[in-house]
């Protein structure tokens, strides 16, 4: 959601592009572009901004004319182009800075809560990340907009300007972002005893490539990574794959005997203790390094979230050896 801008605020800002001179970017046009991206359509953005869809379209076209390039792909929902991503990041940073400045000047009454869009992988969300958010002080009030995405792809949401921070497996900072190491998320290879007796009665490196498995979704390559580590890269996981795209459903599917899987340690330990599943290689866990990337932006709310995330991660994740 995009907040209305008082008419007395500066109507335009200057931004230097890598391919041309300084450009004056009218604030109403920049904020309109952000509204369209956040809301997904021109009509929805118009409703938020309390203007007509025609006015929204005219502002976006005028901004594209100033930038000299297309900023939005007119799909449903709309998507920013590479150039549009740059402007969206700028718009979101500008909105955050404006809000913090007004608050410090004592003219922030009625602004409402601070909105922080964050990208996080499903397993972190289901284990340690929500307790981290519960630690964030609520003065001023902070609301979270969480985008669930695989840890290998959350950095893309930062790059596109959709989020201000992300839990990611990438140690390489996105342009304009800082990066902090959080720790290791440990996964344990487990299976129901029936799967073990039917498919894994032999050397694991020989039998596991042919056993049915449970994957999170089609972008989940943890199982292939794990099998390649066992086989010295000779083969990946087998073709019989079930896809269950929720952490709890994934855990329950492995426990029910659909196939073997890599289950986050906090979810796997109770199953192992109850005898519901068997550890396939107790001495061969898979550790995935996680990082916290955030915009290099002075924001008290974002700083408070970062502290809470680092503290909780230090308690919940494993340290690097």
C-alpha atoms as a PDB file:
ATOM      1  CA  UNK A   1       0.000   0.000   0.000  1.00  0.00           C
ATOM      2  CA  UNK A   2       1.296   3.481  -0.833  1.00  0.00           C
ATOM      3  CA  UNK A   3       0.668   6.452   1.392  1.00  0.00           C
ATOM      4  CA  UNK A   4      -0.553   9.769   0.036  1.00  0.00           C
ATOM      5  CA  UNK A   5       2.064  12.499  -0.216  1.00  0.00           C
ATOM      6  CA  UNK A   6       1.230  15.934   1.209  1.00  0.00           C
ATOM      7  CA  UNK A   7       1.294  18.531  -1.576  1.00  0.00           C
ATOM      8  CA  UNK A   8       3.869  20.671   0.237  1.00  0.00           C
ATOM      9  CA  UNK A   9       6.546  17.982  -0.045  1.00  0.00           C
ATOM     10  CA  UNK A  10       9.126  18.245  -2.821  1.00  0.00           C
ATOM     11  CA  UNK A  11       7.395  17.172  -6.047  1.00  0.00           C
ATOM     12  CA  UNK A  12      10.434  15.728  -7.758  1.00  0.00           C
ATOM     13  CA  UNK A  13      13.711  14.075  -6.915  1.00  0.00           C
ATOM     14  CA  UNK A  14      16.904  13.713  -8.880  1.00  0.00           C
ATOM     15  CA  UNK A  15      18.427  10.369  -9.781  1.00  0.00           C
ATOM     16  CA  UNK A  16      21.528   9.731 -11.870  1.00  0.00           C
ATOM     17  CA  UNK A  17      21.321   6.880 -14.331  1.00  0.00           C
ATOM     18  CA  UNK A  18      24.271   4.887 -15.615  1.00  0.00           C
ATOM     19  CA  UNK A  19      23.454   5.789 -19.227  1.00  0.00           C
ATOM     20  CA  UNK A  20      22.502   9.420 -19.099  1.00  0.00           C
ATOM     21  CA  UNK A  21      22.477  12.736 -17.207  1.00  0.00           C
ATOM     22  CA  UNK A  22      20.596  13.609 -14.048  1.00  0.00           C
ATOM     23  CA  UNK A  23      16.871  13.014 -14.371  1.00  0.00           C
ATOM     24  CA  UNK A  24      14.151  14.729 -12.430  1.00  0.00           C
ATOM     25  CA  UNK A  25      11.770  11.995 -11.339  1.00  0.00           C
ATOM     26  CA  UNK A  26       8.466  13.486 -10.196  1.00  0.00           C
ATOM     27  CA  UNK A  27       7.565  12.048  -6.833  1.00  0.00           C
ATOM     28  CA  UNK A  28       3.953  11.368  -7.730  1.00  0.00           C
ATOM     29  CA  UNK A  29       5.036   9.365 -10.771  1.00  0.00           C
ATOM     30  CA  UNK A  30       7.606   7.361  -8.808  1.00  0.00           C
ATOM     31  CA  UNK A  31       5.122   6.533  -6.075  1.00  0.00           C
ATOM     32  CA  UNK A  32       2.488   5.634  -8.652  1.00  0.00           C
ATOM     33  CA  UNK A  33       4.855   3.143 -10.251  1.00  0.00           C
ATOM     34  CA  UNK A  34       5.459   1.568  -6.841  1.00  0.00           C
ATOM     35  CA  UNK A  35       1.714   1.380  -6.195  1.00  0.00           C
ATOM     36  CA  UNK A  36       1.134  -0.427  -9.496  1.00  0.00           C
ATOM     37  CA  UNK A  37       3.884  -2.972  -8.730  1.00  0.00           C
ATOM     38  CA  UNK A  38       2.663  -3.540  -5.153  1.00  0.00           C
ATOM     39  CA  UNK A  39      -1.010  -3.815  -6.082  1.00  0.00           C
ATOM     40  CA  UNK A  40      -0.477  -5.765  -9.295  1.00  0.00           C
ATOM     41  CA  UNK A  41      -2.779  -3.803 -11.617  1.00  0.00           C
ATOM     42  CA  UNK A  42      -3.428  -0.221 -12.691  1.00  0.00           C
ATOM     43  CA  UNK A  43      -6.997  -0.395 -11.399  1.00  0.00           C
ATOM     44  CA  UNK A  44      -5.930  -1.582  -7.938  1.00  0.00           C
ATOM     45  CA  UNK A  45      -3.259   1.110  -7.748  1.00  0.00           C
ATOM     46  CA  UNK A  46      -5.843   3.728  -8.719  1.00  0.00           C
ATOM     47  CA  UNK A  47      -8.080   2.628  -5.850  1.00  0.00           C
ATOM     48  CA  UNK A  48      -5.206   2.934  -3.363  1.00  0.00           C
ATOM     49  CA  UNK A  49      -4.121   6.323  -4.656  1.00  0.00           C
ATOM     50  CA  UNK A  50      -7.713   7.611  -4.960  1.00  0.00           C
ATOM     51  CA  UNK A  51      -7.272   8.587  -8.593  1.00  0.00           C
ATOM     52  CA  UNK A  52      -8.616   7.192 -11.845  1.00  0.00           C
ATOM     53  CA  UNK A  53      -6.940   4.281 -13.683  1.00  0.00           C
ATOM     54  CA  UNK A  54      -6.380   6.715 -16.558  1.00  0.00           C
ATOM     55  CA  UNK A  55      -4.392   9.010 -14.257  1.00  0.00           C
ATOM     56  CA  UNK A  56      -2.278   6.078 -13.098  1.00  0.00           C
ATOM     57  CA  UNK A  57      -1.572   5.058 -16.687  1.00  0.00           C
ATOM     58  CA  UNK A  58      -0.647   8.620 -17.653  1.00  0.00           C
ATOM     59  CA  UNK A  59       1.777   8.962 -14.724  1.00  0.00           C
ATOM     60  CA  UNK A  60       3.509   5.682 -15.547  1.00  0.00           C
ATOM     61  CA  UNK A  61       3.783   6.587 -19.222  1.00  0.00           C
ATOM     62  CA  UNK A  62       5.180  10.009 -18.317  1.00  0.00           C
ATOM     63  CA  UNK A  63       7.771   8.384 -16.053  1.00  0.00           C
ATOM     64  CA  UNK A  64       8.726   5.943 -18.805  1.00  0.00           C
ATOM     65  CA  UNK A  65       9.102   8.880 -21.195  1.00  0.00           C
ATOM     66  CA  UNK A  66      11.438  10.618 -18.743  1.00  0.00           C
ATOM     67  CA  UNK A  67      13.462   7.442 -18.206  1.00  0.00           C
ATOM     68  CA  UNK A  68      13.558   6.729 -21.930  1.00  0.00           C
ATOM     69  CA  UNK A  69      12.636   3.073 -21.486  1.00  0.00           C
ATOM     70  CA  UNK A  70       9.790   0.742 -20.596  1.00  0.00           C
ATOM     71  CA  UNK A  71       9.496   0.305 -16.824  1.00  0.00           C
ATOM     72  CA  UNK A  72       6.538  -2.089 -16.564  1.00  0.00           C
ATOM     73  CA  UNK A  73       5.458  -5.189 -18.419  1.00  0.00           C
ATOM     74  CA  UNK A  74       1.694  -4.907 -18.772  1.00  0.00           C
ATOM     75  CA  UNK A  75       0.975  -8.435 -17.594  1.00  0.00           C
ATOM     76  CA  UNK A  76      -1.398  -9.563 -14.833  1.00  0.00           C
ATOM     77  CA  UNK A  77       0.021  -8.932 -12.370  1.00  0.00           C
ATOM     78  CA  UNK A  78       2.319  -6.294 -13.815  1.00  0.00           C
ATOM     79  CA  UNK A  79       6.052  -6.921 -13.590  1.00  0.00           C
ATOM     80  CA  UNK A  80       8.849  -4.349 -13.561  1.00  0.00           C
ATOM     81  CA  UNK A  81      11.435  -4.521 -16.303  1.00  0.00           C
ATOM     82  CA  UNK A  82      15.115  -4.440 -15.376  1.00  0.00           C
ATOM     83  CA  UNK A  83      15.001  -0.648 -15.551  1.00  0.00           C
ATOM     84  CA  UNK A  84      11.719  -0.657 -13.648  1.00  0.00           C
ATOM     85  CA  UNK A  85      13.314  -2.652 -10.843  1.00  0.00           C
ATOM     86  CA  UNK A  86      15.807   0.178 -10.340  1.00  0.00           C
ATOM     87  CA  UNK A  87      13.005   2.726 -10.018  1.00  0.00           C
ATOM     88  CA  UNK A  88      10.938   0.452  -7.746  1.00  0.00           C
ATOM     89  CA  UNK A  89      13.889   0.026  -5.373  1.00  0.00           C
ATOM     90  CA  UNK A  90      14.412   3.781  -5.403  1.00  0.00           C
ATOM     91  CA  UNK A  91      10.719   4.430  -4.751  1.00  0.00           C
ATOM     92  CA  UNK A  92      10.560   2.032  -1.836  1.00  0.00           C
ATOM     93  CA  UNK A  93      13.714   3.456  -0.274  1.00  0.00           C
ATOM     94  CA  UNK A  94      12.417   6.985  -0.769  1.00  0.00           C
ATOM     95  CA  UNK A  95       9.091   6.123   0.889  1.00  0.00           C
ATOM     96  CA  UNK A  96      10.913   4.630   3.876  1.00  0.00           C
ATOM     97  CA  UNK A  97      13.239   7.616   4.248  1.00  0.00           C
ATOM     98  CA  UNK A  98      10.340  10.037   3.943  1.00  0.00           C
ATOM     99  CA  UNK A  99       8.398   8.239   6.636  1.00  0.00           C
ATOM    100  CA  UNK A 100      11.338   8.134   9.052  1.00  0.00           C
ATOM    101  CA  UNK A 101      12.124  11.814   8.403  1.00  0.00           C
ATOM    102  CA  UNK A 102       8.561  12.916   9.083  1.00  0.00           C
ATOM    103  CA  UNK A 103       8.527  10.845  12.253  1.00  0.00           C
ATOM    104  CA  UNK A 104      11.764  12.407  13.510  1.00  0.00           C
ATOM    105  CA  UNK A 105      10.400  15.872  12.754  1.00  0.00           C
ATOM    106  CA  UNK A 106       7.279  15.126  14.758  1.00  0.00           C
ATOM    107  CA  UNK A 107       4.945  15.406  11.787  1.00  0.00           C
ATOM    108  CA  UNK A 108       4.351  11.690  11.394  1.00  0.00           C
ATOM    109  CA  UNK A 109       0.996  11.473  13.168  1.00  0.00           C
ATOM    110  CA  UNK A 110      -1.520   9.462  11.208  1.00  0.00           C
ATOM    111  CA  UNK A 111       1.068   7.741   9.026  1.00  0.00           C
ATOM    112  CA  UNK A 112       0.014   4.302  10.259  1.00  0.00           C
ATOM    113  CA  UNK A 113       2.330   1.350  10.887  1.00  0.00           C
ATOM    114  CA  UNK A 114       5.669   0.816   9.169  1.00  0.00           C
ATOM    115  CA  UNK A 115       5.346  -1.834   6.459  1.00  0.00           C
ATOM    116  CA  UNK A 116       8.358  -4.092   5.921  1.00  0.00           C
ATOM    117  CA  UNK A 117       8.294  -6.516   2.965  1.00  0.00           C
ATOM    118  CA  UNK A 118      10.661  -9.444   3.638  1.00  0.00           C
ATOM    119  CA  UNK A 119      11.488 -12.560   1.613  1.00  0.00           C
ATOM    120  CA  UNK A 120      12.042 -15.791   3.537  1.00  0.00           C
ATOM    121  CA  UNK A 121      12.261 -19.464   2.646  1.00  0.00           C
ATOM    122  CA  UNK A 122       9.500 -21.808   3.762  1.00  0.00           C
ATOM    123  CA  UNK A 123      11.609 -23.915   6.144  1.00  0.00           C
ATOM    124  CA  UNK A 124      12.880 -20.863   8.027  1.00  0.00           C
ATOM    125  CA  UNK A 125       9.341 -19.538   8.181  1.00  0.00           C
ATOM    126  CA  UNK A 126       8.141 -22.832   9.672  1.00  0.00           C
ATOM    127  CA  UNK A 127      10.912 -23.116  12.258  1.00  0.00           C
ATOM    128  CA  UNK A 128      12.741 -20.040  13.579  1.00  0.00           C
ATOM    129  CA  UNK A 129      11.767 -16.920  11.631  1.00  0.00           C
ATOM    130  CA  UNK A 130       8.369 -16.142  13.172  1.00  0.00           C
ATOM    131  CA  UNK A 131       9.822 -16.209  16.710  1.00  0.00           C
ATOM    132  CA  UNK A 132      12.350 -13.664  15.446  1.00  0.00           C
ATOM    133  CA  UNK A 133       9.600 -11.324  14.299  1.00  0.00           C
ATOM    134  CA  UNK A 134       7.849 -11.644  17.655  1.00  0.00           C
ATOM    135  CA  UNK A 135      10.935 -10.045  19.234  1.00  0.00           C
ATOM    136  CA  UNK A 136      10.679  -6.866  17.178  1.00  0.00           C
ATOM    137  CA  UNK A 137       9.581  -3.906  19.342  1.00  0.00           C
ATOM    138  CA  UNK A 138       6.232  -2.511  18.245  1.00  0.00           C
ATOM    139  CA  UNK A 139       6.940   1.163  18.861  1.00  0.00           C
ATOM    140  CA  UNK A 140       6.430   2.371  16.230  1.00  0.00           C
ATOM    141  CA  UNK A 141       4.036  -0.304  15.041  1.00  0.00           C
ATOM    142  CA  UNK A 142       5.571  -2.579  12.389  1.00  0.00           C
ATOM    143  CA  UNK A 143       3.609  -4.800  10.019  1.00  0.00           C
ATOM    144  CA  UNK A 144       5.333  -7.525   8.029  1.00  0.00           C
ATOM    145  CA  UNK A 145       4.615  -8.528   4.461  1.00  0.00           C
ATOM    146  CA  UNK A 146       6.325 -11.882   4.049  1.00  0.00           C
ATOM    147  CA  UNK A 147       7.121 -13.269   0.616  1.00  0.00           C
ATOM    148  CA  UNK A 148       7.743 -17.017   0.754  1.00  0.00           C
ATOM    149  CA  UNK A 149      10.352 -18.163  -1.728  1.00  0.00           C
ATOM    150  CA  UNK A 150      13.155 -20.721  -1.954  1.00  0.00           C
ATOM    151  CA  UNK A 151      16.320 -19.515  -0.226  1.00  0.00           C
ATOM    152  CA  UNK A 152      18.176 -19.678  -3.534  1.00  0.00           C
ATOM    153  CA  UNK A 153      15.714 -17.209  -5.092  1.00  0.00           C
ATOM    154  CA  UNK A 154      14.889 -14.740  -2.329  1.00  0.00           C
ATOM    155  CA  UNK A 155      17.766 -12.494  -3.392  1.00  0.00           C
ATOM    156  CA  UNK A 156      15.970 -11.951  -6.703  1.00  0.00           C
ATOM    157  CA  UNK A 157      13.088 -10.303  -4.839  1.00  0.00           C
ATOM    158  CA  UNK A 158      15.599  -7.899  -3.296  1.00  0.00           C
ATOM    159  CA  UNK A 159      17.073  -7.169  -6.701  1.00  0.00           C
ATOM    160  CA  UNK A 160      13.635  -6.496  -8.170  1.00  0.00           C
ATOM    161  CA  UNK A 161      12.707  -4.123  -5.367  1.00  0.00           C
ATOM    162  CA  UNK A 162       9.814  -6.212  -4.034  1.00  0.00           C
ATOM    163  CA  UNK A 163      11.324  -6.589  -0.556  1.00  0.00           C
ATOM    164  CA  UNK A 164      13.650  -4.664   1.726  1.00  0.00           C
ATOM    165  CA  UNK A 165      15.354  -7.695   3.298  1.00  0.00           C
ATOM    166  CA  UNK A 166      15.650 -11.422   2.728  1.00  0.00           C
ATOM    167  CA  UNK A 167      16.842 -14.695   4.194  1.00  0.00           C
ATOM    168  CA  UNK A 168      18.936 -16.148   1.400  1.00  0.00           C
ATOM    169  CA  UNK A 169      21.537 -18.795   0.676  1.00  0.00           C
ATOM    170  CA  UNK A 170      23.588 -16.341  -1.362  1.00  0.00           C
ATOM    171  CA  UNK A 171      26.617 -14.719   0.302  1.00  0.00           C
ATOM    172  CA  UNK A 172      26.987 -12.288  -2.606  1.00  0.00           C
ATOM    173  CA  UNK A 173      25.257  -9.008  -1.743  1.00  0.00           C
ATOM    174  CA  UNK A 174      22.685  -7.616  -4.124  1.00  0.00           C
ATOM    175  CA  UNK A 175      23.636  -4.151  -5.346  1.00  0.00           C
ATOM    176  CA  UNK A 176      22.821  -1.627  -2.650  1.00  0.00           C
ATOM    177  CA  UNK A 177      22.500  -4.289   0.051  1.00  0.00           C
ATOM    178  CA  UNK A 178      24.547  -5.502   2.989  1.00  0.00           C
ATOM    179  CA  UNK A 179      24.881  -9.170   3.910  1.00  0.00           C
ATOM    180  CA  UNK A 180      25.299 -10.960   7.261  1.00  0.00           C
ATOM    181  CA  UNK A 181      25.866 -14.653   7.857  1.00  0.00           C
ATOM    182  CA  UNK A 182      23.129 -16.139  10.039  1.00  0.00           C
ATOM    183  CA  UNK A 183      24.237 -19.756  10.421  1.00  0.00           C
ATOM    184  CA  UNK A 184      23.605 -23.242   9.036  1.00  0.00           C
ATOM    185  CA  UNK A 185      20.169 -24.775   8.546  1.00  0.00           C
ATOM    186  CA  UNK A 186      20.630 -28.516   9.040  1.00  0.00           C
ATOM    187  CA  UNK A 187      18.615 -31.101   7.101  1.00  0.00           C
ATOM    188  CA  UNK A 188      18.509 -34.798   7.976  1.00  0.00           C
ATOM    189  CA  UNK A 189      17.960 -37.554   5.401  1.00  0.00           C
ATOM    190  CA  UNK A 190      15.157 -39.732   6.783  1.00  0.00           C
ATOM    191  CA  UNK A 191      12.585 -42.229   5.555  1.00  0.00           C
ATOM    192  CA  UNK A 192       9.765 -44.397   6.860  1.00  0.00           C
ATOM    193  CA  UNK A 193      10.965 -47.932   7.773  1.00  0.00           C
ATOM    194  CA  UNK A 194       8.884 -49.355   4.894  1.00  0.00           C
ATOM    195  CA  UNK A 195      10.808 -47.205   2.397  1.00  0.00           C
ATOM    196  CA  UNK A 196      14.081 -48.338   3.942  1.00  0.00           C
ATOM    197  CA  UNK A 197      13.218 -52.025   3.675  1.00  0.00           C
ATOM    198  CA  UNK A 198      11.768 -51.773   0.160  1.00  0.00           C
ATOM    199  CA  UNK A 199      14.322 -49.520  -1.527  1.00  0.00           C
ATOM    200  CA  UNK A 200      17.351 -48.943   0.681  1.00  0.00           C
ATOM    201  CA  UNK A 201      18.481 -52.448   1.623  1.00  0.00           C
ATOM    202  CA  UNK A 202      22.082 -51.960   0.566  1.00  0.00           C
ATOM    203  CA  UNK A 203      24.831 -49.343   0.347  1.00  0.00           C
ATOM    204  CA  UNK A 204      23.127 -45.961   0.528  1.00  0.00           C
ATOM    205  CA  UNK A 205      25.169 -44.427  -2.284  1.00  0.00           C
ATOM    206  CA  UNK A 206      24.001 -47.213  -4.588  1.00  0.00           C
ATOM    207  CA  UNK A 207      20.380 -47.489  -3.494  1.00  0.00           C
ATOM    208  CA  UNK A 208      19.328 -43.879  -2.802  1.00  0.00           C
ATOM    209  CA  UNK A 209      19.405 -42.679  -6.464  1.00  0.00           C
ATOM    210  CA  UNK A 210      16.661 -45.177  -7.292  1.00  0.00           C
ATOM    211  CA  UNK A 211      14.417 -44.658  -4.271  1.00  0.00           C
ATOM    212  CA  UNK A 212      11.233 -42.565  -4.383  1.00  0.00           C
ATOM    213  CA  UNK A 213      11.589 -39.187  -2.726  1.00  0.00           C
ATOM    214  CA  UNK A 214       9.553 -36.247  -1.530  1.00  0.00           C
ATOM    215  CA  UNK A 215      10.514 -32.818  -2.879  1.00  0.00           C
ATOM    216  CA  UNK A 216       9.170 -29.467  -1.800  1.00  0.00           C
ATOM    217  CA  UNK A 217       8.516 -28.158  -5.323  1.00  0.00           C
ATOM    218  CA  UNK A 218      10.097 -28.349  -8.757  1.00  0.00           C
ATOM    219  CA  UNK A 219      12.787 -25.831  -7.837  1.00  0.00           C
ATOM    220  CA  UNK A 220      13.868 -27.864  -4.800  1.00  0.00           C
ATOM    221  CA  UNK A 221      17.264 -29.386  -5.574  1.00  0.00           C
ATOM    222  CA  UNK A 222      18.362 -30.306  -2.035  1.00  0.00           C
ATOM    223  CA  UNK A 223      17.786 -34.015  -2.608  1.00  0.00           C
ATOM    224  CA  UNK A 224      19.839 -33.981  -5.822  1.00  0.00           C
ATOM    225  CA  UNK A 225      22.601 -32.087  -4.051  1.00  0.00           C
ATOM    226  CA  UNK A 226      22.589 -34.625  -1.247  1.00  0.00           C
ATOM    227  CA  UNK A 227      22.677 -37.671  -3.525  1.00  0.00           C
ATOM    228  CA  UNK A 228      25.496 -36.186  -5.588  1.00  0.00           C
ATOM    229  CA  UNK A 229      27.465 -35.659  -2.376  1.00  0.00           C
ATOM    230  CA  UNK A 230      27.042 -39.358  -1.550  1.00  0.00           C
ATOM    231  CA  UNK A 231      27.841 -40.653  -5.006  1.00  0.00           C
ATOM    232  CA  UNK A 232      30.739 -38.329  -5.736  1.00  0.00           C
ATOM    233  CA  UNK A 233      28.670 -36.583  -8.400  1.00  0.00           C
ATOM    234  CA  UNK A 234      27.910 -39.757 -10.354  1.00  0.00           C
ATOM    235  CA  UNK A 235      24.121 -39.310 -10.179  1.00  0.00           C
ATOM    236  CA  UNK A 236      21.369 -37.249  -8.636  1.00  0.00           C
ATOM    237  CA  UNK A 237      18.139 -38.293  -6.986  1.00  0.00           C
ATOM    238  CA  UNK A 238      15.734 -40.605  -8.770  1.00  0.00           C
ATOM    239  CA  UNK A 239      12.821 -39.787 -11.099  1.00  0.00           C
ATOM    240  CA  UNK A 240      10.029 -40.909  -8.740  1.00  0.00           C
ATOM    241  CA  UNK A 241       9.272 -37.654  -6.946  1.00  0.00           C
ATOM    242  CA  UNK A 242       6.306 -36.406  -4.975  1.00  0.00           C
ATOM    243  CA  UNK A 243       5.967 -32.644  -4.535  1.00  0.00           C
ATOM    244  CA  UNK A 244       4.484 -31.296  -1.304  1.00  0.00           C
ATOM    245  CA  UNK A 245       4.986 -27.504  -1.051  1.00  0.00           C
ATOM    246  CA  UNK A 246       4.387 -26.902   2.659  1.00  0.00           C
ATOM    247  CA  UNK A 247       6.923 -27.651   5.416  1.00  0.00           C
ATOM    248  CA  UNK A 248       4.396 -29.470   7.583  1.00  0.00           C
ATOM    249  CA  UNK A 249       2.971 -31.413   4.629  1.00  0.00           C
ATOM    250  CA  UNK A 250       6.480 -32.304   3.514  1.00  0.00           C
ATOM    251  CA  UNK A 251       7.365 -33.668   6.946  1.00  0.00           C
ATOM    252  CA  UNK A 252       4.115 -35.630   7.167  1.00  0.00           C
ATOM    253  CA  UNK A 253       4.530 -37.051   3.648  1.00  0.00           C
ATOM    254  CA  UNK A 254       7.971 -38.427   4.502  1.00  0.00           C
ATOM    255  CA  UNK A 255       6.611 -39.794   7.789  1.00  0.00           C
ATOM    256  CA  UNK A 256       3.726 -41.434   5.910  1.00  0.00           C
ATOM    257  CA  UNK A 257       6.105 -43.332   3.640  1.00  0.00           C
ATOM    258  CA  UNK A 258       5.692 -41.571   0.291  1.00  0.00           C
ATOM    259  CA  UNK A 259       9.465 -41.426  -0.075  1.00  0.00           C
ATOM    260  CA  UNK A 260      12.662 -40.378   1.612  1.00  0.00           C
ATOM    261  CA  UNK A 261      13.408 -36.720   2.147  1.00  0.00           C
ATOM    262  CA  UNK A 262      15.624 -34.085   3.691  1.00  0.00           C
ATOM    263  CA  UNK A 263      13.662 -32.789   6.667  1.00  0.00           C
ATOM    264  CA  UNK A 264      14.725 -29.718   8.688  1.00  0.00           C
ATOM    265  CA  UNK A 265      16.348 -30.855  11.909  1.00  0.00           C
ATOM    266  CA  UNK A 266      13.679 -29.301  14.204  1.00  0.00           C
ATOM    267  CA  UNK A 267      11.007 -31.273  12.331  1.00  0.00           C
ATOM    268  CA  UNK A 268      13.035 -34.468  11.964  1.00  0.00           C
ATOM    269  CA  UNK A 269      14.130 -34.972  15.578  1.00  0.00           C
ATOM    270  CA  UNK A 270      10.635 -35.615  17.023  1.00  0.00           C
ATOM    271  CA  UNK A 271       9.969 -38.151  14.257  1.00  0.00           C
ATOM    272  CA  UNK A 272      13.246 -39.916  14.933  1.00  0.00           C
ATOM    273  CA  UNK A 273      12.610 -39.986  18.675  1.00  0.00           C
ATOM    274  CA  UNK A 274       9.155 -41.477  18.104  1.00  0.00           C
ATOM    275  CA  UNK A 275      10.544 -44.104  15.724  1.00  0.00           C
ATOM    276  CA  UNK A 276       8.290 -42.867  12.910  1.00  0.00           C
ATOM    277  CA  UNK A 277      11.237 -42.471  10.544  1.00  0.00           C
ATOM    278  CA  UNK A 278      14.755 -43.828  10.292  1.00  0.00           C
ATOM    279  CA  UNK A 279      17.898 -41.755   9.784  1.00  0.00           C
ATOM    280  CA  UNK A 280      19.492 -42.833   6.520  1.00  0.00           C
ATOM    281  CA  UNK A 281      22.955 -41.455   7.250  1.00  0.00           C
ATOM    282  CA  UNK A 282      23.188 -40.025  10.766  1.00  0.00           C
ATOM    283  CA  UNK A 283      26.733 -38.842  10.144  1.00  0.00           C
ATOM    284  CA  UNK A 284      25.902 -37.169   6.804  1.00  0.00           C
ATOM    285  CA  UNK A 285      23.527 -34.232   7.383  1.00  0.00           C
ATOM    286  CA  UNK A 286      23.136 -31.490   4.791  1.00  0.00           C
ATOM    287  CA  UNK A 287      23.945 -28.022   6.104  1.00  0.00           C
ATOM    288  CA  UNK A 288      22.667 -25.033   4.120  1.00  0.00           C
ATOM    289  CA  UNK A 289      24.267 -21.656   4.956  1.00  0.00           C
ATOM    290  CA  UNK A 290      21.772 -18.838   5.400  1.00  0.00           C
ATOM    291  CA  UNK A 291      22.415 -15.110   5.125  1.00  0.00           C
ATOM    292  CA  UNK A 292      20.465 -11.967   5.884  1.00  0.00           C
ATOM    293  CA  UNK A 293      20.552  -9.381   3.129  1.00  0.00           C
ATOM    294  CA  UNK A 294      18.988  -5.959   3.513  1.00  0.00           C
ATOM    295  CA  UNK A 295      19.047  -2.600   1.857  1.00  0.00           C
ATOM    296  CA  UNK A 296      21.745  -0.181   2.981  1.00  0.00           C
ATOM    297  CA  UNK A 297      19.126   2.147   4.328  1.00  0.00           C
ATOM    298  CA  UNK A 298      18.921   3.968   7.644  1.00  0.00           C
ATOM    299  CA  UNK A 299      15.603   2.711   8.990  1.00  0.00           C
ATOM    300  CA  UNK A 300      14.958   2.185  12.710  1.00  0.00           C
ATOM    301  CA  UNK A 301      12.309  -0.443  11.963  1.00  0.00           C
ATOM    302  CA  UNK A 302      14.565  -2.380   9.599  1.00  0.00           C
ATOM    303  CA  UNK A 303      17.436  -2.172  12.095  1.00  0.00           C
ATOM    304  CA  UNK A 304      15.186  -3.589  14.841  1.00  0.00           C
ATOM    305  CA  UNK A 305      14.159  -6.498  12.603  1.00  0.00           C
ATOM    306  CA  UNK A 306      17.792  -7.202  11.749  1.00  0.00           C
ATOM    307  CA  UNK A 307      18.749  -7.383  15.430  1.00  0.00           C
ATOM    308  CA  UNK A 308      15.879  -9.751  16.186  1.00  0.00           C
ATOM    309  CA  UNK A 309      16.694 -11.984  13.215  1.00  0.00           C
ATOM    310  CA  UNK A 310      20.388 -12.205  14.133  1.00  0.00           C
ATOM    311  CA  UNK A 311      19.631 -12.993  17.785  1.00  0.00           C
ATOM    312  CA  UNK A 312      17.102 -15.702  16.959  1.00  0.00           C
ATOM    313  CA  UNK A 313      19.228 -17.231  14.233  1.00  0.00           C
ATOM    314  CA  UNK A 314      22.176 -17.456  16.635  1.00  0.00           C
ATOM    315  CA  UNK A 315      19.991 -19.557  18.927  1.00  0.00           C
ATOM    316  CA  UNK A 316      18.203 -21.678  16.322  1.00  0.00           C
ATOM    317  CA  UNK A 317      20.792 -22.316  13.607  1.00  0.00           C
ATOM    318  CA  UNK A 318      24.064 -24.159  13.758  1.00  0.00           C
ATOM    319  CA  UNK A 319      27.355 -22.320  13.675  1.00  0.00           C
ATOM    320  CA  UNK A 320      29.841 -22.898  10.919  1.00  0.00           C
ATOM    321  CA  UNK A 321      32.530 -25.408  11.925  1.00  0.00           C
END
